[in-house]
Amino acid sequence: MNDAQPKRAVVIGGGLAGITAALELADAGLAVTLVEGRPRLGGLAFSFRRGELTVDNGQHVYLRCCTAYRWFLDRVGGAELAPVQAKLDVPVLDVAHPRGPRLGRLRRDALPVPLHLARSLATYPHLSLAERALVGRAALALKKLDPADPALDGVDFATWLSRYGQSGRTIEALWDLVGVATLNATAPHASLGLAAMVFKTGLLSEPGAADIGWARVPLGELHDTLARKALDAAGVRTETRTKAEAISRTASGSWQVEVAGETLDAEVVVLAVPQKETHDLLPDGALEEPGRLLGIGTAPILNVHVVYDRKVLRQPFFAALGSPVQWVFDRTDSSGLKGQGQYLAISQSAAQDEIELPVAELRARYLPELEKLLPAARGAEILDFFVTRERTATFAPTPGVGRLRPSARTRADGLYLAGAWTATGWPATMEGAVRSGFSAAGAALSTLGRPHVHPLQEAA
């Protein structure tokens, strides 16, 4: 039997975690208000205008195994706008090969795991025959690990790889090729638990788990425009440019959220903001050791954007070896660029050494590197060059971070946490953010006595 007056919820934060929590709570019949300090939704996966271009702040991809984010795309009506490739196919170009630039590919077959990658690894030109054989040994050992084992959290990935004979070249050309992009850290700075989760789920679970998907439209169309429409349709009151200033408990046991010019009353509050902001807003006693949140570090991502006067890349993306360049994506169509030019975005994860470099220095570094990788760029005119910096793009997946990540529940009834930095079991990805929103909403509904099965459980 439904309550005469619906329970009220306030979700603080309009990133993917907050949007998910708000949708789930509204779908369960709660009266939901979502507040976001920025003028848009989407958190750190957003778009902005630069002249005639619509620019993503950074290149974001997901994998077929990212079932929560795929649910999100379906829920907001954007699945067709961010399709997944039919089969994993990653061009990998090594410009430092002794015989000149050499192209290899990481592809999968339709064979069962782990045979689905066997042919690709057997012919991968960036590793020697002996190195390829040792990759197989490490992969089999990795498959036996339990990513949830707390002992793995305190070990760095590089130490574990060295135990299984992985050379520095193998780590660069394979493990870090994938790991840096997904973990935002190199192997020495990544928790073995999180690395094991990435590689087991993406490469060693189902043959198609690592097939790559990315938006063919600006991220803002998915995470702001379509998300806002979905929230409106669900009855969520969405307030942007509205920052939560304080959270307090009332005498009756409900909650009050102070925003500029208004006090919002609620039985449920979901804090879906970064860890430092969460720490600053938490009421006393909500967590046993709130200071642990400040121990969860952050890691930067740098994106270098180049617009050429002609087409210089014939593939949608590629990864690079022997170069400062990590991944390059063609953003021409999604940005709305007209004419014969081409817009490329270079995505640089784990960018601690470059995040503060001046634009002129980055230009001097990356334009010659692109000319090495792409011969067609050597005579092309640069129409635009700019940089986007996300200094706190993700939480740092360092060894030991697992024990610092809190669950969705707090010690205060009715107050829940969400965000990719919470204890999702995933690194800081769009998938982890959406999963955290599910967890927060599910915990809230359970406390309210409303059994709730989120869509991922239904699919299972």
Protein backbone atom coordinates (compact mmCIF):
# COMPACT_ATOMS: atom_id res chain seq x y z
CA MET A 1 0.00 0.00 0.00
CA ASN A 2 1.47 3.38 -1.00
CA ASP A 3 1.99 6.11 1.58
CA ALA A 4 -0.45 9.01 1.30
CA GLN A 5 2.52 11.36 1.26
CA PRO A 6 5.54 10.13 -0.74
CA LYS A 7 8.87 9.98 1.05
CA ARG A 8 11.21 12.78 0.10
CA ALA A 9 14.79 12.41 -1.10
CA VAL A 10 17.52 14.90 -1.85
CA VAL A 11 20.41 13.83 -4.07
CA ILE A 12 23.44 16.10 -3.84
CA GLY A 13 25.52 15.91 -7.02
CA GLY A 14 24.47 15.63 -10.66
CA GLY A 15 27.14 13.32 -12.02
CA LEU A 16 26.38 9.82 -13.22
CA ALA A 17 26.16 8.53 -9.64
CA GLY A 18 23.68 11.18 -8.57
CA ILE A 19 21.58 10.92 -11.71
CA THR A 20 21.34 7.15 -11.29
CA ALA A 21 20.37 7.38 -7.63
CA ALA A 22 17.76 10.04 -8.40
CA LEU A 23 16.20 7.97 -11.20
CA GLU A 24 16.10 4.82 -9.08
CA LEU A 25 14.54 6.60 -6.10
CA ALA A 26 11.98 8.40 -8.27
CA ASP A 27 11.08 5.15 -10.05
CA ALA A 28 10.39 3.67 -6.60
CA GLY A 29 7.89 6.43 -5.84
CA LEU A 30 9.93 8.92 -3.82
CA ALA A 31 9.67 12.67 -4.35
CA VAL A 32 13.23 13.48 -5.42
CA THR A 33 15.13 16.74 -5.66
CA LEU A 34 18.57 16.68 -7.27
CA VAL A 35 20.91 19.62 -6.67
CA GLU A 36 24.09 20.27 -8.63
CA GLY A 37 26.47 23.20 -8.16
CA ARG A 38 27.54 23.35 -11.80
CA PRO A 39 25.31 24.78 -14.54
CA ARG A 40 25.01 21.30 -16.09
CA LEU A 41 24.73 17.63 -15.27
CA GLY A 42 27.30 14.95 -16.05
CA GLY A 43 30.00 15.49 -13.46
CA LEU A 44 33.46 15.05 -14.98
CA ALA A 45 32.15 13.62 -18.25
CA PHE A 46 30.79 16.69 -20.01
CA SER A 47 30.98 18.89 -23.10
CA PHE A 48 31.48 22.58 -23.79
CA ARG A 49 31.44 24.89 -26.80
CA ARG A 50 34.59 26.22 -28.43
CA GLY A 51 33.74 28.23 -31.51
CA GLU A 52 31.92 25.91 -33.89
CA LEU A 53 33.06 22.81 -31.99
CA THR A 54 31.29 20.93 -29.22
CA VAL A 55 34.20 19.56 -27.21
CA ASP A 56 34.24 16.75 -24.66
CA ASN A 57 36.41 17.65 -21.68
CA GLY A 58 38.07 14.24 -22.11
CA GLN A 59 37.73 11.12 -24.17
CA HIS A 60 35.56 8.57 -22.34
CA VAL A 61 35.04 4.98 -23.43
CA TYR A 62 33.32 1.99 -21.87
CA LEU A 63 33.37 -1.77 -22.44
CA ARG A 64 30.65 -4.25 -23.23
CA CYS A 65 31.09 -5.64 -19.70
CA CYS A 66 30.03 -2.25 -18.29
CA THR A 67 26.46 -3.38 -17.75
CA ALA A 68 25.55 -0.56 -15.38
CA TYR A 69 26.63 2.20 -17.76
CA ARG A 70 24.87 0.43 -20.61
CA TRP A 71 21.72 0.44 -18.43
CA PHE A 72 22.23 4.17 -17.93
CA LEU A 73 22.44 4.75 -21.67
CA ASP A 74 19.24 2.75 -22.20
CA ARG A 75 17.49 4.56 -19.35
CA VAL A 76 18.17 8.01 -20.81
CA GLY A 77 17.51 6.91 -24.40
CA GLY A 78 21.10 7.22 -25.60
CA ALA A 79 22.23 3.65 -26.31
CA GLU A 80 22.21 4.10 -30.10
CA LEU A 81 24.35 7.21 -29.73
CA ALA A 82 27.19 5.34 -28.01
CA PRO A 83 27.43 1.92 -29.69
CA VAL A 84 29.95 -0.81 -28.92
CA GLN A 85 32.26 -2.10 -31.64
CA ALA A 86 31.26 -5.51 -33.05
CA LYS A 87 34.51 -7.10 -31.83
CA LEU A 88 37.45 -5.82 -29.84
CA ASP A 89 39.95 -4.28 -32.26
CA VAL A 90 42.65 -1.94 -31.00
CA PRO A 91 45.32 -0.69 -33.44
CA VAL A 92 48.64 -0.30 -31.58
CA LEU A 93 51.36 1.68 -33.36
CA ASP A 94 54.97 1.47 -32.16
CA VAL A 95 57.06 4.32 -33.55
CA ALA A 96 60.24 3.30 -31.72
CA HIS A 97 60.60 -0.09 -33.40
CA PRO A 98 64.16 -0.64 -34.71
CA ARG A 99 62.83 -1.26 -38.22
CA GLY A 100 60.59 1.78 -38.26
CA PRO A 101 56.96 2.32 -37.19
CA ARG A 102 55.12 -0.97 -36.81
CA LEU A 103 51.38 -1.49 -36.48
CA GLY A 104 49.94 -4.33 -34.42
CA ARG A 105 46.40 -5.07 -33.32
CA LEU A 106 44.77 -6.47 -30.22
CA ARG A 107 41.72 -8.34 -31.48
CA ARG A 108 39.42 -11.05 -30.26
CA ASP A 109 37.91 -14.06 -31.92
CA ALA A 110 34.55 -15.66 -31.18
CA LEU A 111 36.27 -18.49 -29.31
CA PRO A 112 35.77 -19.19 -25.59
CA VAL A 113 37.89 -17.42 -22.97
CA PRO A 114 40.93 -17.37 -22.96
CA LEU A 115 41.27 -18.64 -26.53
CA HIS A 116 39.44 -15.57 -27.83
CA LEU A 117 42.70 -13.58 -27.53
CA ALA A 118 45.17 -16.35 -28.33
CA ARG A 119 45.58 -15.65 -32.04
CA SER A 120 45.95 -11.93 -31.45
CA LEU A 121 48.64 -12.39 -28.82
CA ALA A 122 50.43 -15.02 -30.91
CA THR A 123 50.89 -12.50 -33.71
CA TYR A 124 51.29 -9.33 -31.60
CA PRO A 125 54.44 -7.81 -33.10
CA HIS A 126 55.31 -5.60 -30.14
CA LEU A 127 56.41 -8.54 -27.97
CA SER A 128 58.92 -11.31 -28.54
CA LEU A 129 57.85 -14.93 -28.72
CA ALA A 130 59.15 -15.54 -25.19
CA GLU A 131 57.34 -12.48 -23.86
CA ARG A 132 54.08 -13.62 -25.44
CA ALA A 133 54.40 -17.03 -23.82
CA LEU A 134 54.93 -15.44 -20.42
CA VAL A 135 51.85 -13.26 -20.94
CA GLY A 136 49.80 -16.44 -21.15
CA ARG A 137 51.30 -17.68 -17.88
CA ALA A 138 50.47 -14.41 -16.10
CA ALA A 139 46.94 -14.33 -17.56
CA LEU A 140 46.19 -17.81 -16.22
CA ALA A 141 47.47 -16.81 -12.79
CA LEU A 142 45.45 -13.60 -12.89
CA LYS A 143 42.29 -15.55 -13.69
CA LYS A 144 42.68 -17.40 -10.37
CA LEU A 145 42.81 -14.23 -8.28
CA ASP A 146 39.81 -12.94 -6.35
CA PRO A 147 39.76 -9.14 -6.79
CA ALA A 148 37.73 -8.82 -3.58
CA ASP A 149 40.50 -10.45 -1.52
CA PRO A 150 41.70 -7.68 0.86
CA ALA A 151 45.25 -9.01 0.65
CA LEU A 152 45.42 -8.00 -3.02
CA ASP A 153 44.58 -4.39 -2.18
CA GLY A 154 47.93 -3.82 -0.48
CA VAL A 155 50.08 -5.17 -3.33
CA ASP A 156 51.05 -3.11 -6.36
CA PHE A 157 50.37 -4.58 -9.80
CA ALA A 158 53.96 -4.22 -11.03
CA THR A 159 55.33 -6.35 -8.20
CA TRP A 160 52.87 -9.10 -9.00
CA LEU A 161 53.63 -8.93 -12.73
CA SER A 162 57.35 -9.25 -12.06
CA ARG A 163 56.70 -12.46 -10.13
CA TYR A 164 55.30 -13.91 -13.34
CA GLY A 165 58.20 -12.88 -15.54
CA GLN A 166 56.62 -9.85 -17.18
CA SER A 167 59.36 -7.67 -18.63
CA GLY A 168 59.31 -3.89 -18.66
CA ARG A 169 58.54 -4.06 -22.38
CA THR A 170 55.61 -6.42 -21.77
CA ILE A 171 54.20 -4.13 -19.12
CA GLU A 172 54.49 -1.12 -21.44
CA ALA A 173 53.16 -2.83 -24.58
CA LEU A 174 50.30 -4.75 -23.00
CA TRP A 175 49.50 -4.45 -19.30
CA ASP A 176 49.93 -0.68 -19.02
CA LEU A 177 48.45 -0.14 -22.45
CA VAL A 178 45.15 -1.31 -20.97
CA GLY A 179 45.76 -0.54 -17.31
CA VAL A 180 46.72 3.11 -17.58
CA ALA A 181 43.59 3.88 -19.59
CA THR A 182 41.25 2.04 -17.21
CA LEU A 183 42.93 2.58 -13.83
CA ASN A 184 44.52 5.99 -14.48
CA ALA A 185 47.77 4.68 -13.02
CA THR A 186 50.82 2.77 -14.16
CA ALA A 187 51.39 -0.73 -12.77
CA PRO A 188 53.70 0.33 -9.88
CA HIS A 189 51.03 2.73 -8.62
CA ALA A 190 47.97 0.49 -9.06
CA SER A 191 46.39 -1.83 -6.51
CA LEU A 192 46.59 -5.47 -7.57
CA GLY A 193 42.98 -5.90 -6.48
CA LEU A 194 41.72 -3.21 -8.86
CA ALA A 195 44.01 -4.36 -11.67
CA ALA A 196 42.82 -7.94 -11.26
CA MET A 197 39.23 -6.73 -11.39
CA VAL A 198 39.87 -4.83 -14.65
CA PHE A 199 41.67 -7.64 -16.45
CA LYS A 200 39.49 -10.49 -15.16
CA THR A 201 36.25 -8.71 -15.98
CA GLY A 202 37.33 -7.14 -19.25
CA LEU A 203 39.56 -9.80 -20.78
CA LEU A 204 38.97 -13.06 -18.95
CA SER A 205 35.22 -13.28 -18.33
CA GLU A 206 33.32 -13.35 -21.62
CA PRO A 207 34.72 -13.22 -25.18
CA GLY A 208 33.08 -9.89 -25.94
CA ALA A 209 33.55 -8.27 -22.53
CA ALA A 210 36.29 -5.89 -23.69
CA ASP A 211 34.61 -4.68 -26.89
CA ILE A 212 34.89 -0.90 -26.77
CA GLY A 213 32.05 1.60 -26.88
CA TRP A 214 32.20 5.38 -27.10
CA ALA A 215 29.86 8.28 -27.76
CA ARG A 216 29.34 9.33 -31.36
CA VAL A 217 27.79 12.54 -30.05
CA PRO A 218 29.07 15.02 -27.45
CA LEU A 219 28.97 13.60 -23.93
CA GLY A 220 26.79 16.50 -22.87
CA GLU A 221 24.01 15.21 -25.09
CA LEU A 222 24.00 11.94 -23.14
CA HIS A 223 24.89 13.01 -19.60
CA ASP A 224 23.14 16.39 -19.51
CA THR A 225 20.47 16.84 -22.20
CA LEU A 226 19.09 13.28 -22.31
CA ALA A 227 19.69 12.69 -18.59
CA ARG A 228 17.74 15.83 -17.72
CA LYS A 229 14.85 14.70 -19.91
CA ALA A 230 14.82 11.33 -18.15
CA LEU A 231 14.87 13.01 -14.74
CA ASP A 232 12.03 15.32 -15.76
CA ALA A 233 9.98 12.39 -17.04
CA ALA A 234 10.56 10.54 -13.75
CA GLY A 235 9.29 13.54 -11.79
CA VAL A 236 12.65 14.58 -10.35
CA ARG A 237 13.06 18.24 -9.52
CA THR A 238 16.50 19.12 -10.89
CA GLU A 239 18.25 22.27 -9.72
CA THR A 240 21.60 23.21 -11.29
CA ARG A 241 23.77 26.11 -10.10
CA THR A 242 22.60 25.02 -6.65
CA LYS A 243 25.25 24.00 -4.16
CA ALA A 244 24.48 22.17 -0.93
CA GLU A 245 25.87 24.18 1.97
CA ALA A 246 25.03 22.00 4.97
CA ILE A 247 23.22 18.83 6.02
CA SER A 248 21.60 18.48 9.44
CA ARG A 249 19.28 16.17 11.35
CA THR A 250 15.92 17.47 12.56
CA ALA A 251 14.39 16.70 15.93
CA SER A 252 12.01 14.27 14.24
CA GLY A 253 14.90 12.31 12.71
CA SER A 254 14.50 13.50 9.12
CA TRP A 255 17.07 15.57 7.24
CA GLN A 256 17.48 19.15 6.12
CA VAL A 257 19.74 20.21 3.26
CA GLU A 258 20.63 23.89 3.15
CA VAL A 259 21.02 25.43 -0.30
CA ALA A 260 21.10 29.09 -1.26
CA GLY A 261 17.79 30.63 -0.25
CA GLU A 262 16.05 27.37 0.62
CA THR A 263 15.96 24.48 3.07
CA LEU A 264 15.10 21.08 1.61
CA ASP A 265 13.45 18.54 3.92
CA ALA A 266 13.89 14.84 3.25
CA GLU A 267 13.79 11.37 4.74
CA VAL A 268 16.63 10.28 2.42
CA VAL A 269 19.80 12.15 1.45
CA VAL A 270 22.32 10.78 -1.06
CA LEU A 271 25.71 12.47 -1.12
CA ALA A 272 27.03 11.93 -4.65
CA VAL A 273 29.94 14.36 -4.73
CA PRO A 274 33.74 13.92 -4.59
CA GLN A 275 35.35 12.61 -1.43
CA LYS A 276 36.61 15.94 -0.05
CA GLU A 277 33.25 17.62 -0.59
CA THR A 278 31.56 14.63 1.01
CA HIS A 279 33.90 14.90 4.01
CA ASP A 280 33.05 18.58 4.41
CA LEU A 281 29.28 18.00 4.28
CA LEU A 282 29.07 14.88 6.45
CA PRO A 283 27.31 15.42 9.79
CA ASP A 284 29.21 14.40 12.91
CA GLY A 285 29.10 10.67 13.52
CA ALA A 286 27.98 9.73 10.02
CA LEU A 287 31.21 7.77 9.46
CA GLU A 288 33.35 6.14 12.10
CA GLU A 289 36.55 7.58 10.60
CA PRO A 290 35.59 10.40 8.23
CA GLY A 291 39.24 11.39 7.86
CA ARG A 292 39.79 8.28 5.76
CA LEU A 293 37.97 10.00 2.90
CA LEU A 294 40.79 12.53 2.71
CA GLY A 295 43.25 9.66 2.33
CA ILE A 296 41.69 8.71 -1.00
CA GLY A 297 43.97 10.54 -3.41
CA THR A 298 43.20 11.83 -6.88
CA ALA A 299 44.84 11.35 -10.26
CA PRO A 300 44.80 13.71 -13.26
CA ILE A 301 43.95 13.20 -16.93
CA LEU A 302 45.19 15.53 -19.66
CA ASN A 303 43.57 15.85 -23.08
CA VAL A 304 45.33 17.51 -26.02
CA HIS A 305 43.06 18.65 -28.85
CA VAL A 306 44.32 19.27 -32.39
CA VAL A 307 42.31 20.41 -35.42
CA TYR A 308 44.00 19.84 -38.79
CA ASP A 309 43.03 21.31 -42.15
CA ARG A 310 42.79 17.82 -43.65
CA LYS A 311 42.20 14.19 -42.73
CA VAL A 312 45.34 12.66 -41.21
CA LEU A 313 43.91 9.56 -39.47
CA ARG A 314 41.84 6.88 -41.22
CA GLN A 315 40.81 4.93 -38.12
CA PRO A 316 38.49 5.95 -35.27
CA PHE A 317 41.26 5.56 -32.69
CA PHE A 318 44.61 3.96 -31.96
CA ALA A 319 47.06 3.45 -29.10
CA ALA A 320 50.74 4.35 -29.32
CA LEU A 321 53.97 2.83 -28.04
CA GLY A 322 57.44 4.37 -28.00
CA SER A 323 55.87 7.81 -27.75
CA PRO A 324 54.55 10.14 -25.05
CA VAL A 325 51.20 9.77 -26.84
CA GLN A 326 48.91 7.19 -25.26
CA TRP A 327 45.58 7.10 -27.16
CA VAL A 328 44.34 9.16 -30.10
CA PHE A 329 40.67 9.48 -31.09
CA ASP A 330 38.98 11.03 -34.11
CA ARG A 331 36.38 13.47 -32.72
CA THR A 332 35.56 15.16 -36.05
CA ASP A 333 31.95 14.08 -36.50
CA SER A 334 30.95 14.14 -32.84
CA SER A 335 32.28 17.68 -32.42
CA GLY A 336 30.34 19.06 -35.38
CA LEU A 337 33.45 20.09 -37.30
CA LYS A 338 32.54 21.04 -40.86
CA GLY A 339 34.64 21.00 -44.01
CA GLN A 340 37.67 18.91 -44.93
CA GLY A 341 39.51 19.18 -41.62
CA GLN A 342 39.91 16.60 -38.87
CA TYR A 343 39.78 16.98 -35.08
CA LEU A 344 41.89 14.58 -33.01
CA ALA A 345 41.92 14.24 -29.22
CA ILE A 346 44.93 12.76 -27.43
CA SER A 347 43.96 11.18 -24.11
CA GLN A 348 46.74 11.11 -21.53
CA SER A 349 45.96 9.26 -18.31
CA ALA A 350 48.18 9.23 -15.21
CA ALA A 351 49.35 12.67 -16.33
CA GLN A 352 50.95 13.87 -13.10
CA ASP A 353 54.10 15.02 -14.89
CA GLU A 354 52.27 17.01 -17.57
CA ILE A 355 49.05 18.30 -16.05
CA GLU A 356 50.49 21.76 -15.23
CA LEU A 357 52.70 22.22 -18.30
CA PRO A 358 51.99 25.37 -20.36
CA VAL A 359 50.05 24.94 -23.58
CA ALA A 360 53.06 26.09 -25.63
CA GLU A 361 55.21 23.34 -24.14
CA LEU A 362 52.56 20.70 -24.74
CA ARG A 363 52.20 21.89 -28.31
CA ALA A 364 55.95 21.61 -28.86
CA ARG A 365 55.90 18.12 -27.41
CA TYR A 366 52.83 16.58 -29.03
CA LEU A 367 52.65 17.98 -32.56
CA PRO A 368 55.99 16.38 -33.58
CA GLU A 369 54.90 13.12 -31.95
CA LEU A 370 51.70 13.10 -33.99
CA GLU A 371 53.76 13.65 -37.13
CA LYS A 372 55.84 10.59 -36.26
CA LEU A 373 52.71 8.52 -35.73
CA LEU A 374 50.71 9.95 -38.63
CA PRO A 375 52.77 10.76 -41.74
CA ALA A 376 49.80 12.57 -43.29
CA ALA A 377 50.04 15.15 -40.50
CA ARG A 378 53.49 16.31 -41.56
CA GLY A 379 52.30 18.79 -44.16
CA ALA A 380 48.98 19.65 -42.55
CA GLU A 381 48.08 23.07 -41.19
CA ILE A 382 47.06 23.31 -37.53
CA LEU A 383 43.75 25.17 -37.37
CA ASP A 384 43.39 24.92 -33.60
CA PHE A 385 45.32 23.52 -30.65
CA PHE A 386 44.06 23.53 -27.07
CA VAL A 387 44.25 21.53 -23.86
CA THR A 388 41.72 20.38 -21.26
CA ARG A 389 42.90 19.40 -17.80
CA GLU A 390 41.06 17.39 -15.19
CA ARG A 391 43.37 17.62 -12.20
CA THR A 392 41.18 15.41 -10.03
CA ALA A 393 39.76 13.25 -12.80
CA THR A 394 39.62 10.03 -10.77
CA PHE A 395 40.48 8.67 -7.39
CA ALA A 396 44.02 7.30 -7.30
CA PRO A 397 43.89 3.46 -7.37
CA THR A 398 46.98 3.13 -5.19
CA PRO A 399 47.72 0.02 -3.12
CA GLY A 400 45.69 0.24 0.10
CA VAL A 401 42.95 2.47 -1.29
CA GLY A 402 40.37 -0.31 -0.96
CA ARG A 403 40.28 -0.09 2.83
CA LEU A 404 39.58 3.65 2.58
CA ARG A 405 36.59 3.46 0.23
CA PRO A 406 33.30 3.59 2.18
CA SER A 407 30.16 1.65 1.39
CA ALA A 408 26.91 3.35 0.43
CA ARG A 409 25.52 3.12 3.97
CA THR A 410 26.60 5.50 6.71
CA ARG A 411 26.04 5.29 10.46
CA ALA A 412 23.27 7.88 10.11
CA ASP A 413 19.91 6.44 9.08
CA GLY A 414 18.72 7.95 5.84
CA LEU A 415 22.12 9.25 4.70
CA TYR A 416 23.93 7.42 1.88
CA LEU A 417 27.06 7.87 -0.20
CA ALA A 418 27.56 7.51 -3.95
CA GLY A 419 30.40 8.19 -6.34
CA ALA A 420 32.95 6.17 -8.29
CA TRP A 421 35.33 6.55 -5.30
CA THR A 422 33.04 4.58 -2.97
CA ALA A 423 33.35 0.81 -2.48
CA THR A 424 32.06 -0.38 -5.84
CA GLY A 425 34.86 -2.88 -6.49
CA TRP A 426 35.54 -0.99 -9.74
CA PRO A 427 38.14 1.66 -10.54
CA ALA A 428 37.04 5.24 -11.19
CA THR A 429 34.99 4.70 -14.34
CA MET A 430 31.57 5.69 -15.61
CA GLU A 431 30.57 2.12 -14.79
CA GLY A 432 31.68 2.49 -11.18
CA ALA A 433 29.78 5.77 -10.84
CA VAL A 434 26.51 4.27 -12.04
CA ARG A 435 26.97 1.20 -9.83
CA SER A 436 27.45 3.45 -6.82
CA GLY A 437 24.16 5.18 -7.61
CA PHE A 438 22.42 1.80 -7.68
CA SER A 439 23.98 0.88 -4.33
CA ALA A 440 22.95 4.12 -2.63
CA ALA A 441 19.38 3.96 -3.92
CA GLY A 442 19.08 0.28 -3.07
CA ALA A 443 20.32 0.84 0.48
CA ALA A 444 17.89 3.73 0.95
CA LEU A 445 14.90 1.78 -0.31
CA SER A 446 15.82 -1.21 1.83
CA THR A 447 15.91 0.99 4.93
CA LEU A 448 12.51 2.40 4.00
CA GLY A 449 11.16 -1.15 3.83
CA ARG A 450 10.77 -1.12 0.07
CA PRO A 451 12.45 -4.22 -1.34
CA HIS A 452 14.24 -3.18 -4.48
CA VAL A 453 15.90 -5.14 -7.22
CA HIS A 454 18.00 -2.92 -9.45
CA PRO A 455 18.12 -3.65 -13.20
CA LEU A 456 21.50 -5.41 -13.05
CA GLN A 457 20.14 -7.94 -10.56
CA GLU A 458 17.09 -8.48 -12.75
CA ALA A 459 19.34 -9.15 -15.75
CA ALA A 460 21.36 -11.65 -13.74
